[in-house]
Amino acid sequence: KRKRTTSCSSGKMAQGAKKFKAQRSGTNKKQHSNKQKGPKKGGRIIAPKKAHVVQQQKLKKGLEVAIRNKIEQEVTQKASSSLHKPLSVVKGVDGKGNPGAARPGASLK
């Protein structure tokens, strides 16, 4: 008895040899290594399509800042009037954390 051999015994497929994409040496690896994985840090701001929406956002932001400053002034005024010592307000450094947040050991005596 003889074993049957298939027609592709020479290692070549009937459709022809496999074609591979030519790769450049080392360029793909560098691009992938520099990419940041995961979501990006920070808030996402989607640009509005209409100009009046931008104006509304600016007005809203301005009002929020004005209200917050007014509340801070009222609180410091009440605190300074109730104390027998003069009140000294220490402001935080801009850009680091929350500037309005209280930090232990930062007040002057």
PDB file of N, CA and C in Angstrom:
ATOM      1  N   LYS A   1       0.831  -1.181   0.000  1.00  0.00           N
ATOM      2  CA  LYS A   1       0.000   0.000   0.000  1.00  0.00           C
ATOM      3  C   LYS A   1       0.872   1.240   0.000  1.00  0.00           C
ATOM      4  N   ARG A   2       0.496   2.179  -0.824  1.00  0.00           N
ATOM      5  CA  ARG A   2       1.233   3.440  -0.905  1.00  0.00           C
ATOM      6  C   ARG A   2       0.423   4.545  -0.235  1.00  0.00           C
ATOM      7  N   LYS A   3       1.160   5.423   0.459  1.00  0.00           N
ATOM      8  CA  LYS A   3       0.496   6.564   1.085  1.00  0.00           C
ATOM      9  C   LYS A   3       0.301   7.640   0.035  1.00  0.00           C
ATOM     10  N   ARG A   4      -0.832   8.259   0.127  1.00  0.00           N
ATOM     11  CA  ARG A   4      -1.094   9.342  -0.815  1.00  0.00           C
ATOM     12  C   ARG A   4      -0.426  10.621  -0.328  1.00  0.00           C
ATOM     13  N   THR A   5       0.164  11.331  -1.221  1.00  0.00           N
ATOM     14  CA  THR A   5       0.777  12.615  -0.883  1.00  0.00           C
ATOM     15  C   THR A   5      -0.070  13.720  -1.483  1.00  0.00           C
ATOM     16  N   THR A   6      -0.123  14.814  -0.782  1.00  0.00           N
ATOM     17  CA  THR A   6      -0.929  15.927  -1.290  1.00  0.00           C
ATOM     18  C   THR A   6      -0.127  16.725  -2.298  1.00  0.00           C
ATOM     19  N   SER A   7      -0.810  17.560  -3.015  1.00  0.00           N
ATOM     20  CA  SER A   7      -0.145  18.313  -4.069  1.00  0.00           C
ATOM     21  C   SER A   7       0.739  19.434  -3.515  1.00  0.00           C
ATOM     22  N   CYS A   8       0.550  19.812  -2.250  1.00  0.00           N
ATOM     23  CA  CYS A   8       1.361  20.905  -1.692  1.00  0.00           C
ATOM     24  C   CYS A   8       2.460  20.347  -0.797  1.00  0.00           C
ATOM     25  N   SER A   9       3.054  19.259  -1.201  1.00  0.00           N
ATOM     26  CA  SER A   9       4.110  18.651  -0.395  1.00  0.00           C
ATOM     27  C   SER A   9       5.416  19.430  -0.480  1.00  0.00           C
ATOM     28  N   SER A  10       5.545  20.301  -1.456  1.00  0.00           N
ATOM     29  CA  SER A  10       6.792  21.044  -1.606  1.00  0.00           C
ATOM     30  C   SER A  10       6.865  22.249  -0.658  1.00  0.00           C
ATOM     31  N   GLY A  11       5.814  22.494   0.141  1.00  0.00           N
ATOM     32  CA  GLY A  11       5.837  23.601   1.082  1.00  0.00           C
ATOM     33  C   GLY A  11       5.159  24.853   0.549  1.00  0.00           C
ATOM     34  N   LYS A  12       4.842  24.864  -0.720  1.00  0.00           N
ATOM     35  CA  LYS A  12       4.161  26.007  -1.303  1.00  0.00           C
ATOM     36  C   LYS A  12       2.671  25.745  -1.305  1.00  0.00           C
ATOM     37  N   MET A  13       1.930  26.801  -0.978  1.00  0.00           N
ATOM     38  CA  MET A  13       0.478  26.652  -1.017  1.00  0.00           C
ATOM     39  C   MET A  13       0.006  26.830  -2.451  1.00  0.00           C
ATOM     40  N   ALA A  14      -1.195  26.385  -2.722  1.00  0.00           N
ATOM     41  CA  ALA A  14      -1.729  26.466  -4.073  1.00  0.00           C
ATOM     42  C   ALA A  14      -1.909  27.911  -4.518  1.00  0.00           C
ATOM     43  N   GLN A  15      -2.199  28.808  -3.546  1.00  0.00           N
ATOM     44  CA  GLN A  15      -2.422  30.212  -3.907  1.00  0.00           C
ATOM     45  C   GLN A  15      -1.114  30.968  -4.094  1.00  0.00           C
ATOM     46  N   GLY A  16      -0.012  30.406  -3.688  1.00  0.00           N
ATOM     47  CA  GLY A  16       1.267  31.089  -3.797  1.00  0.00           C
ATOM     48  C   GLY A  16       1.842  31.349  -2.411  1.00  0.00           C
ATOM     49  N   ALA A  17       3.009  31.919  -2.380  1.00  0.00           N
ATOM     50  CA  ALA A  17       3.679  32.167  -1.102  1.00  0.00           C
ATOM     51  C   ALA A  17       2.969  33.279  -0.342  1.00  0.00           C
ATOM     52  N   LYS A  18       3.099  33.253   0.990  1.00  0.00           N
ATOM     53  CA  LYS A  18       2.491  34.297   1.816  1.00  0.00           C
ATOM     54  C   LYS A  18       3.282  35.586   1.635  1.00  0.00           C
ATOM     55  N   LYS A  19       2.554  36.676   1.594  1.00  0.00           N
ATOM     56  CA  LYS A  19       3.197  37.974   1.440  1.00  0.00           C
ATOM     57  C   LYS A  19       3.177  38.677   2.788  1.00  0.00           C
ATOM     58  N   PHE A  20       4.303  39.223   3.171  1.00  0.00           N
ATOM     59  CA  PHE A  20       4.400  39.936   4.442  1.00  0.00           C
ATOM     60  C   PHE A  20       4.667  41.405   4.175  1.00  0.00           C
ATOM     61  N   LYS A  21       4.202  42.229   5.086  1.00  0.00           N
ATOM     62  CA  LYS A  21       4.414  43.663   4.983  1.00  0.00           C
ATOM     63  C   LYS A  21       5.871  43.981   5.286  1.00  0.00           C
ATOM     64  N   ALA A  22       6.462  44.837   4.502  1.00  0.00           N
ATOM     65  CA  ALA A  22       7.845  45.243   4.767  1.00  0.00           C
ATOM     66  C   ALA A  22       7.851  46.167   5.977  1.00  0.00           C
ATOM     67  N   GLN A  23       8.679  45.849   6.963  1.00  0.00           N
ATOM     68  CA  GLN A  23       8.728  46.651   8.182  1.00  0.00           C
ATOM     69  C   GLN A  23      10.034  47.419   8.242  1.00  0.00           C
ATOM     70  N   ARG A  24       9.926  48.649   8.720  1.00  0.00           N
ATOM     71  CA  ARG A  24      11.132  49.443   8.929  1.00  0.00           C
ATOM     72  C   ARG A  24      11.736  49.032  10.255  1.00  0.00           C
ATOM     73  N   SER A  25      13.025  49.115  10.341  1.00  0.00           N
ATOM     74  CA  SER A  25      13.687  48.628  11.549  1.00  0.00           C
ATOM     75  C   SER A  25      13.551  49.623  12.695  1.00  0.00           C
ATOM     76  N   GLY A  26      12.812  49.248  13.732  1.00  0.00           N
ATOM     77  CA  GLY A  26      12.758  50.003  14.977  1.00  0.00           C
ATOM     78  C   GLY A  26      11.819  51.193  15.020  1.00  0.00           C
ATOM     79  N   THR A  27      11.219  51.614  13.930  1.00  0.00           N
ATOM     80  CA  THR A  27      10.384  52.816  13.980  1.00  0.00           C
ATOM     81  C   THR A  27       9.045  52.540  14.654  1.00  0.00           C
ATOM     82  N   ASN A  28       8.456  51.400  14.408  1.00  0.00           N
ATOM     83  CA  ASN A  28       7.157  51.100  15.002  1.00  0.00           C
ATOM     84  C   ASN A  28       7.253  50.940  16.509  1.00  0.00           C
ATOM     85  N   LYS A  29       8.324  50.365  16.987  1.00  0.00           N
ATOM     86  CA  LYS A  29       8.485  50.141  18.420  1.00  0.00           C
ATOM     87  C   LYS A  29       8.603  51.464  19.161  1.00  0.00           C
ATOM     88  N   LYS A  30       9.309  52.429  18.581  1.00  0.00           N
ATOM     89  CA  LYS A  30       9.487  53.727  19.231  1.00  0.00           C
ATOM     90  C   LYS A  30       8.160  54.466  19.339  1.00  0.00           C
ATOM     91  N   GLN A  31       7.357  54.411  18.298  1.00  0.00           N
ATOM     92  CA  GLN A  31       6.079  55.110  18.311  1.00  0.00           C
ATOM     93  C   GLN A  31       5.163  54.538  19.383  1.00  0.00           C
ATOM     94  N   HIS A  32       5.132  53.241  19.516  1.00  0.00           N
ATOM     95  CA  HIS A  32       4.245  52.623  20.493  1.00  0.00           C
ATOM     96  C   HIS A  32       4.722  52.868  21.914  1.00  0.00           C
ATOM     97  N   SER A  33       6.026  52.947  22.128  1.00  0.00           N
ATOM     98  CA  SER A  33       6.539  53.131  23.480  1.00  0.00           C
ATOM     99  C   SER A  33       6.274  54.542  23.987  1.00  0.00           C
ATOM    100  N   ASN A  34       6.201  55.531  23.090  1.00  0.00           N
ATOM    101  CA  ASN A  34       5.963  56.907  23.510  1.00  0.00           C
ATOM    102  C   ASN A  34       4.493  57.196  23.777  1.00  0.00           C
ATOM    103  N   LYS A  35       3.605  56.353  23.298  1.00  0.00           N
ATOM    104  CA  LYS A  35       2.190  56.589  23.471  1.00  0.00           C
ATOM    105  C   LYS A  35       1.788  56.407  24.919  1.00  0.00           C
ATOM    106  N   GLN A  36       0.946  57.328  25.404  1.00  0.00           N
ATOM    107  CA  GLN A  36       0.471  57.223  26.778  1.00  0.00           C
ATOM    108  C   GLN A  36      -0.668  56.216  26.814  1.00  0.00           C
ATOM    109  N   LYS A  37      -0.613  55.318  27.789  1.00  0.00           N
ATOM    110  CA  LYS A  37      -1.652  54.307  27.896  1.00  0.00           C
ATOM    111  C   LYS A  37      -2.743  54.807  28.826  1.00  0.00           C
ATOM    112  N   GLY A  38      -3.969  54.455  28.516  1.00  0.00           N
ATOM    113  CA  GLY A  38      -5.084  54.842  29.356  1.00  0.00           C
ATOM    114  C   GLY A  38      -5.593  56.233  29.009  1.00  0.00           C
ATOM    115  N   PRO A  39      -6.597  56.689  29.766  1.00  0.00           N
ATOM    116  CA  PRO A  39      -7.173  58.003  29.481  1.00  0.00           C
ATOM    117  C   PRO A  39      -6.249  59.138  29.909  1.00  0.00           C
ATOM    118  N   LYS A  40      -6.395  60.267  29.265  1.00  0.00           N
ATOM    119  CA  LYS A  40      -5.568  61.425  29.583  1.00  0.00           C
ATOM    120  C   LYS A  40      -6.084  62.094  30.852  1.00  0.00           C
ATOM    121  N   LYS A  41      -5.171  62.770  31.560  1.00  0.00           N
ATOM    122  CA  LYS A  41      -5.544  63.463  32.786  1.00  0.00           C
ATOM    123  C   LYS A  41      -6.200  64.796  32.445  1.00  0.00           C
ATOM    124  N   GLY A  42      -6.989  65.283  33.380  1.00  0.00           N
ATOM    125  CA  GLY A  42      -7.598  66.604  33.225  1.00  0.00           C
ATOM    126  C   GLY A  42      -9.009  66.538  32.685  1.00  0.00           C
ATOM    127  N   GLY A  43      -9.703  67.644  32.818  1.00  0.00           N
ATOM    128  CA  GLY A  43     -11.080  67.719  32.361  1.00  0.00           C
ATOM    129  C   GLY A  43     -11.158  67.843  30.858  1.00  0.00           C
ATOM    130  N   ARG A  44     -12.292  67.471  30.339  1.00  0.00           N
ATOM    131  CA  ARG A  44     -12.501  67.563  28.906  1.00  0.00           C
ATOM    132  C   ARG A  44     -13.419  68.743  28.619  1.00  0.00           C
ATOM    133  N   ILE A  45     -12.987  69.621  27.731  1.00  0.00           N
ATOM    134  CA  ILE A  45     -13.803  70.761  27.346  1.00  0.00           C
ATOM    135  C   ILE A  45     -14.150  70.601  25.877  1.00  0.00           C
ATOM    136  N   ILE A  46     -15.425  70.498  25.605  1.00  0.00           N
ATOM    137  CA  ILE A  46     -15.879  70.377  24.227  1.00  0.00           C
ATOM    138  C   ILE A  46     -16.221  71.779  23.736  1.00  0.00           C
ATOM    139  N   ALA A  47     -15.611  72.181  22.656  1.00  0.00           N
ATOM    140  CA  ALA A  47     -15.827  73.521  22.131  1.00  0.00           C
ATOM    141  C   ALA A  47     -17.256  73.651  21.617  1.00  0.00           C
ATOM    142  N   PRO A  48     -17.967  74.702  22.022  1.00  0.00           N
ATOM    143  CA  PRO A  48     -19.341  74.879  21.546  1.00  0.00           C
ATOM    144  C   PRO A  48     -19.371  75.328  20.090  1.00  0.00           C
ATOM    145  N   LYS A  49     -20.481  75.062  19.442  1.00  0.00           N
ATOM    146  CA  LYS A  49     -20.604  75.404  18.035  1.00  0.00           C
ATOM    147  C   LYS A  49     -21.116  76.831  17.844  1.00  0.00           C
ATOM    148  N   LYS A  50     -21.716  77.407  18.890  1.00  0.00           N
ATOM    149  CA  LYS A  50     -22.324  78.723  18.739  1.00  0.00           C
ATOM    150  C   LYS A  50     -21.650  79.738  19.654  1.00  0.00           C
ATOM    151  N   ALA A  51     -21.513  80.964  19.162  1.00  0.00           N
ATOM    152  CA  ALA A  51     -20.791  82.006  19.898  1.00  0.00           C
ATOM    153  C   ALA A  51     -21.533  82.432  21.157  1.00  0.00           C
ATOM    154  N   HIS A  52     -22.874  82.434  21.130  1.00  0.00           N
ATOM    155  CA  HIS A  52     -23.613  82.878  22.315  1.00  0.00           C
ATOM    156  C   HIS A  52     -23.443  81.905  23.478  1.00  0.00           C
ATOM    157  N   VAL A  53     -23.151  80.652  23.183  1.00  0.00           N
ATOM    158  CA  VAL A  53     -22.890  79.679  24.248  1.00  0.00           C
ATOM    159  C   VAL A  53     -21.573  80.019  24.943  1.00  0.00           C
ATOM    160  N   VAL A  54     -20.580  80.447  24.175  1.00  0.00           N
ATOM    161  CA  VAL A  54     -19.294  80.856  24.747  1.00  0.00           C
ATOM    162  C   VAL A  54     -19.503  82.055  25.662  1.00  0.00           C
ATOM    163  N   GLN A  55     -20.316  83.007  25.218  1.00  0.00           N
ATOM    164  CA  GLN A  55     -20.589  84.197  26.020  1.00  0.00           C
ATOM    165  C   GLN A  55     -21.312  83.821  27.314  1.00  0.00           C
ATOM    166  N   GLN A  56     -22.252  82.895  27.241  1.00  0.00           N
ATOM    167  CA  GLN A  56     -22.965  82.443  28.443  1.00  0.00           C
ATOM    168  C   GLN A  56     -22.012  81.776  29.425  1.00  0.00           C
ATOM    169  N   GLN A  57     -21.082  80.975  28.909  1.00  0.00           N
ATOM    170  CA  GLN A  57     -20.119  80.301  29.781  1.00  0.00           C
ATOM    171  C   GLN A  57     -19.207  81.303  30.477  1.00  0.00           C
ATOM    172  N   LYS A  58     -18.767  82.342  29.742  1.00  0.00           N
ATOM    173  CA  LYS A  58     -17.916  83.370  30.343  1.00  0.00           C
ATOM    174  C   LYS A  58     -18.661  84.114  31.442  1.00  0.00           C
ATOM    175  N   LEU A  59     -19.917  84.458  31.180  1.00  0.00           N
ATOM    176  CA  LEU A  59     -20.731  85.157  32.168  1.00  0.00           C
ATOM    177  C   LEU A  59     -20.931  84.300  33.409  1.00  0.00           C
ATOM    178  N   LYS A  60     -21.232  83.028  33.201  1.00  0.00           N
ATOM    179  CA  LYS A  60     -21.445  82.101  34.321  1.00  0.00           C
ATOM    180  C   LYS A  60     -20.183  81.981  35.169  1.00  0.00           C
ATOM    181  N   LYS A  61     -19.035  81.849  34.513  1.00  0.00           N
ATOM    182  CA  LYS A  61     -17.764  81.728  35.229  1.00  0.00           C
ATOM    183  C   LYS A  61     -17.476  82.999  36.024  1.00  0.00           C
ATOM    184  N   GLY A  62     -17.715  84.149  35.411  1.00  0.00           N
ATOM    185  CA  GLY A  62     -17.498  85.425  36.097  1.00  0.00           C
ATOM    186  C   GLY A  62     -18.388  85.572  37.319  1.00  0.00           C
ATOM    187  N   LEU A  63     -19.648  85.164  37.199  1.00  0.00           N
ATOM    188  CA  LEU A  63     -20.574  85.231  38.334  1.00  0.00           C
ATOM    189  C   LEU A  63     -20.144  84.298  39.453  1.00  0.00           C
ATOM    190  N   GLU A  64     -19.694  83.102  39.098  1.00  0.00           N
ATOM    191  CA  GLU A  64     -19.236  82.151  40.118  1.00  0.00           C
ATOM    192  C   GLU A  64     -18.055  82.720  40.897  1.00  0.00           C
ATOM    193  N   VAL A  65     -17.107  83.334  40.192  1.00  0.00           N
ATOM    194  CA  VAL A  65     -15.930  83.916  40.843  1.00  0.00           C
ATOM    195  C   VAL A  65     -16.347  85.068  41.750  1.00  0.00           C
ATOM    196  N   ALA A  66     -17.252  85.926  41.262  1.00  0.00           N
ATOM    197  CA  ALA A  66     -17.696  87.075  42.052  1.00  0.00           C
ATOM    198  C   ALA A  66     -18.422  86.626  43.320  1.00  0.00           C
ATOM    199  N   ILE A  67     -19.283  85.621  43.189  1.00  0.00           N
ATOM    200  CA  ILE A  67     -20.022  85.105  44.350  1.00  0.00           C
ATOM    201  C   ILE A  67     -19.063  84.495  45.361  1.00  0.00           C
ATOM    202  N   ARG A  68     -18.104  83.723  44.885  1.00  0.00           N
ATOM    203  CA  ARG A  68     -17.137  83.092  45.795  1.00  0.00           C
ATOM    204  C   ARG A  68     -16.305  84.141  46.537  1.00  0.00           C
ATOM    205  N   ASN A  69     -15.852  85.168  45.816  1.00  0.00           N
ATOM    206  CA  ASN A  69     -15.070  86.233  46.457  1.00  0.00           C
ATOM    207  C   ASN A  69     -15.896  86.985  47.489  1.00  0.00           C
ATOM    208  N   LYS A  70     -17.170  87.244  47.177  1.00  0.00           N
ATOM    209  CA  LYS A  70     -18.048  87.950  48.114  1.00  0.00           C
ATOM    210  C   LYS A  70     -18.249  87.126  49.381  1.00  0.00           C
ATOM    211  N   ILE A  71     -18.448  85.829  49.237  1.00  0.00           N
ATOM    212  CA  ILE A  71     -18.630  84.948  50.396  1.00  0.00           C
ATOM    213  C   ILE A  71     -17.367  84.939  51.245  1.00  0.00           C
ATOM    214  N   GLU A  72     -16.206  84.877  50.603  1.00  0.00           N
ATOM    215  CA  GLU A  72     -14.936  84.894  51.343  1.00  0.00           C
ATOM    216  C   GLU A  72     -14.779  86.191  52.130  1.00  0.00           C
ATOM    217  N   GLN A  73     -15.135  87.310  51.518  1.00  0.00           N
ATOM    218  CA  GLN A  73     -15.038  88.598  52.210  1.00  0.00           C
ATOM    219  C   GLN A  73     -15.963  88.646  53.418  1.00  0.00           C
ATOM    220  N   GLU A  74     -17.196  88.157  53.249  1.00  0.00           N
ATOM    221  CA  GLU A  74     -18.155  88.168  54.357  1.00  0.00           C
ATOM    222  C   GLU A  74     -17.677  87.297  55.509  1.00  0.00           C
ATOM    223  N   VAL A  75     -17.145  86.120  55.186  1.00  0.00           N
ATOM    224  CA  VAL A  75     -16.672  85.201  56.227  1.00  0.00           C
ATOM    225  C   VAL A  75     -15.495  85.809  56.979  1.00  0.00           C
ATOM    226  N   THR A  76     -14.547  86.402  56.254  1.00  0.00           N
ATOM    227  CA  THR A  76     -13.393  87.011  56.929  1.00  0.00           C
ATOM    228  C   THR A  76     -13.814  88.216  57.761  1.00  0.00           C
ATOM    229  N   GLN A  77     -14.801  88.969  57.289  1.00  0.00           N
ATOM    230  CA  GLN A  77     -15.278  90.128  58.045  1.00  0.00           C
ATOM    231  C   GLN A  77     -15.940  89.683  59.349  1.00  0.00           C
ATOM    232  N   LYS A  78     -16.773  88.635  59.278  1.00  0.00           N
ATOM    233  CA  LYS A  78     -17.431  88.119  60.482  1.00  0.00           C
ATOM    234  C   LYS A  78     -16.408  87.545  61.455  1.00  0.00           C
ATOM    235  N   ALA A  79     -15.423  86.842  60.918  1.00  0.00           N
ATOM    236  CA  ALA A  79     -14.409  86.232  61.777  1.00  0.00           C
ATOM    237  C   ALA A  79     -13.553  87.299  62.445  1.00  0.00           C
ATOM    238  N   SER A  80     -13.194  88.344  61.710  1.00  0.00           N
ATOM    239  CA  SER A  80     -12.347  89.388  62.294  1.00  0.00           C
ATOM    240  C   SER A  80     -13.109  90.224  63.316  1.00  0.00           C
ATOM    241  N   SER A  81     -14.411  90.395  63.135  1.00  0.00           N
ATOM    242  CA  SER A  81     -15.188  91.188  64.095  1.00  0.00           C
ATOM    243  C   SER A  81     -15.444  90.416  65.384  1.00  0.00           C
ATOM    244  N   SER A  82     -15.493  89.086  65.310  1.00  0.00           N
ATOM    245  CA  SER A  82     -15.781  88.295  66.511  1.00  0.00           C
ATOM    246  C   SER A  82     -14.532  88.011  67.344  1.00  0.00           C
ATOM    247  N   LEU A  83     -13.341  88.147  66.770  1.00  0.00           N
ATOM    248  CA  LEU A  83     -12.102  87.880  67.502  1.00  0.00           C
ATOM    249  C   LEU A  83     -11.577  89.149  68.173  1.00  0.00           C
ATOM    250  N   HIS A  84     -10.891  88.980  69.310  1.00  0.00           N
ATOM    251  CA  HIS A  84     -10.284  90.130  69.973  1.00  0.00           C
ATOM    252  C   HIS A  84      -8.903  90.442  69.400  1.00  0.00           C
ATOM    253  N   LYS A  85      -8.298  89.480  68.703  1.00  0.00           N
ATOM    254  CA  LYS A  85      -7.014  89.699  68.020  1.00  0.00           C
ATOM    255  C   LYS A  85      -7.284  90.047  66.558  1.00  0.00           C
ATOM    256  N   PRO A  86      -6.371  90.784  65.934  1.00  0.00           N
ATOM    257  CA  PRO A  86      -6.557  91.045  64.498  1.00  0.00           C
ATOM    258  C   PRO A  86      -6.369  89.755  63.687  1.00  0.00           C
ATOM    259  N   LEU A  87      -7.223  89.571  62.696  1.00  0.00           N
ATOM    260  CA  LEU A  87      -7.196  88.363  61.868  1.00  0.00           C
ATOM    261  C   LEU A  87      -6.268  88.589  60.682  1.00  0.00           C
ATOM    262  N   SER A  88      -5.357  87.646  60.458  1.00  0.00           N
ATOM    263  CA  SER A  88      -4.485  87.724  59.283  1.00  0.00           C
ATOM    264  C   SER A  88      -4.812  86.555  58.365  1.00  0.00           C
ATOM    265  N   VAL A  89      -5.181  86.872  57.132  1.00  0.00           N
ATOM    266  CA  VAL A  89      -5.570  85.861  56.156  1.00  0.00           C
ATOM    267  C   VAL A  89      -4.355  85.510  55.314  1.00  0.00           C
ATOM    268  N   VAL A  90      -4.063  84.216  55.226  1.00  0.00           N
ATOM    269  CA  VAL A  90      -2.935  83.746  54.427  1.00  0.00           C
ATOM    270  C   VAL A  90      -3.498  83.073  53.189  1.00  0.00           C
ATOM    271  N   LYS A  91      -3.110  83.579  52.030  1.00  0.00           N
ATOM    272  CA  LYS A  91      -3.581  82.989  50.777  1.00  0.00           C
ATOM    273  C   LYS A  91      -2.589  81.961  50.295  1.00  0.00           C
ATOM    274  N   GLY A  92      -3.093  80.880  49.656  1.00  0.00           N
ATOM    275  CA  GLY A  92      -2.234  79.824  49.120  1.00  0.00           C
ATOM    276  C   GLY A  92      -1.554  80.271  47.847  1.00  0.00           C
ATOM    277  N   VAL A  93      -0.532  79.529  47.442  1.00  0.00           N
ATOM    278  CA  VAL A  93       0.189  79.807  46.207  1.00  0.00           C
ATOM    279  C   VAL A  93      -0.676  79.358  45.041  1.00  0.00           C
ATOM    280  N   ASP A  94      -0.836  80.227  44.036  1.00  0.00           N
ATOM    281  CA  ASP A  94      -1.644  79.870  42.872  1.00  0.00           C
ATOM    282  C   ASP A  94      -0.970  78.767  42.082  1.00  0.00           C
ATOM    283  N   GLY A  95      -1.779  77.823  41.597  1.00  0.00           N
ATOM    284  CA  GLY A  95      -1.246  76.754  40.761  1.00  0.00           C
ATOM    285  C   GLY A  95      -0.972  75.472  41.515  1.00  0.00           C
ATOM    286  N   LYS A  96      -0.892  75.528  42.831  1.00  0.00           N
ATOM    287  CA  LYS A  96      -0.655  74.308  43.605  1.00  0.00           C
ATOM    288  C   LYS A  96      -1.909  73.968  44.389  1.00  0.00           C
ATOM    289  N   GLY A  97      -2.565  72.894  44.008  1.00  0.00           N
ATOM    290  CA  GLY A  97      -3.719  72.420  44.762  1.00  0.00           C
ATOM    291  C   GLY A  97      -4.841  73.440  44.757  1.00  0.00           C
ATOM    292  N   ASN A  98      -5.614  73.477  45.853  1.00  0.00           N
ATOM    293  CA  ASN A  98      -6.690  74.434  45.994  1.00  0.00           C
ATOM    294  C   ASN A  98      -6.173  75.650  46.751  1.00  0.00           C
ATOM    295  N   PRO A  99      -6.179  76.838  46.148  1.00  0.00           N
ATOM    296  CA  PRO A  99      -5.649  77.998  46.830  1.00  0.00           C
ATOM    297  C   PRO A  99      -6.489  78.389  48.040  1.00  0.00           C
ATOM    298  N   GLY A 100      -7.789  78.090  48.028  1.00  0.00           N
ATOM    299  CA  GLY A 100      -8.647  78.464  49.141  1.00  0.00           C
ATOM    300  C   GLY A 100      -8.665  77.442  50.253  1.00  0.00           C
ATOM    301  N   ALA A 101      -8.049  76.307  50.060  1.00  0.00           N
ATOM    302  CA  ALA A 101      -8.092  75.244  51.066  1.00  0.00           C
ATOM    303  C   ALA A 101      -7.215  75.600  52.254  1.00  0.00           C
ATOM    304  N   ALA A 102      -7.696  75.240  53.440  1.00  0.00           N
ATOM    305  CA  ALA A 102      -6.939  75.532  54.657  1.00  0.00           C
ATOM    306  C   ALA A 102      -5.790  74.545  54.780  1.00  0.00           C
ATOM    307  N   ARG A 103      -4.622  75.086  55.121  1.00  0.00           N
ATOM    308  CA  ARG A 103      -3.460  74.227  55.309  1.00  0.00           C
ATOM    309  C   ARG A 103      -3.020  74.326  56.756  1.00  0.00           C
ATOM    310  N   PRO A 104      -2.797  73.214  57.418  1.00  0.00           N
ATOM    311  CA  PRO A 104      -2.373  73.282  58.814  1.00  0.00           C
ATOM    312  C   PRO A 104      -0.965  73.852  58.926  1.00  0.00           C
ATOM    313  N   GLY A 105      -0.800  74.753  59.906  1.00  0.00           N
ATOM    314  CA  GLY A 105       0.520  75.334  60.130  1.00  0.00           C
ATOM    315  C   GLY A 105       0.845  76.497  59.225  1.00  0.00           C
ATOM    316  N   ALA A 106      -0.094  76.931  58.403  1.00  0.00           N
ATOM    317  CA  ALA A 106       0.189  78.020  57.476  1.00  0.00           C
ATOM    318  C   ALA A 106      -0.277  79.366  58.010  1.00  0.00           C
ATOM    319  N   SER A 107      -1.053  79.401  59.093  1.00  0.00           N
ATOM    320  CA  SER A 107      -1.563  80.668  59.613  1.00  0.00           C
ATOM    321  C   SER A 107      -0.508  81.364  60.463  1.00  0.00           C
ATOM    322  N   LEU A 108      -0.571  82.680  60.473  1.00  0.00           N
ATOM    323  CA  LEU A 108       0.371  83.484  61.251  1.00  0.00           C
ATOM    324  C   LEU A 108      -0.236  83.809  62.606  1.00  0.00           C
ATOM    325  N   LYS A 109       0.586  83.843  63.654  1.00  0.00           N
ATOM    326  CA  LYS A 109       0.083  84.157  64.994  1.00  0.00           C
ATOM    327  C   LYS A 109       0.696  85.429  65.507  1.00  0.00           C
TER     328      LYS A 109
END
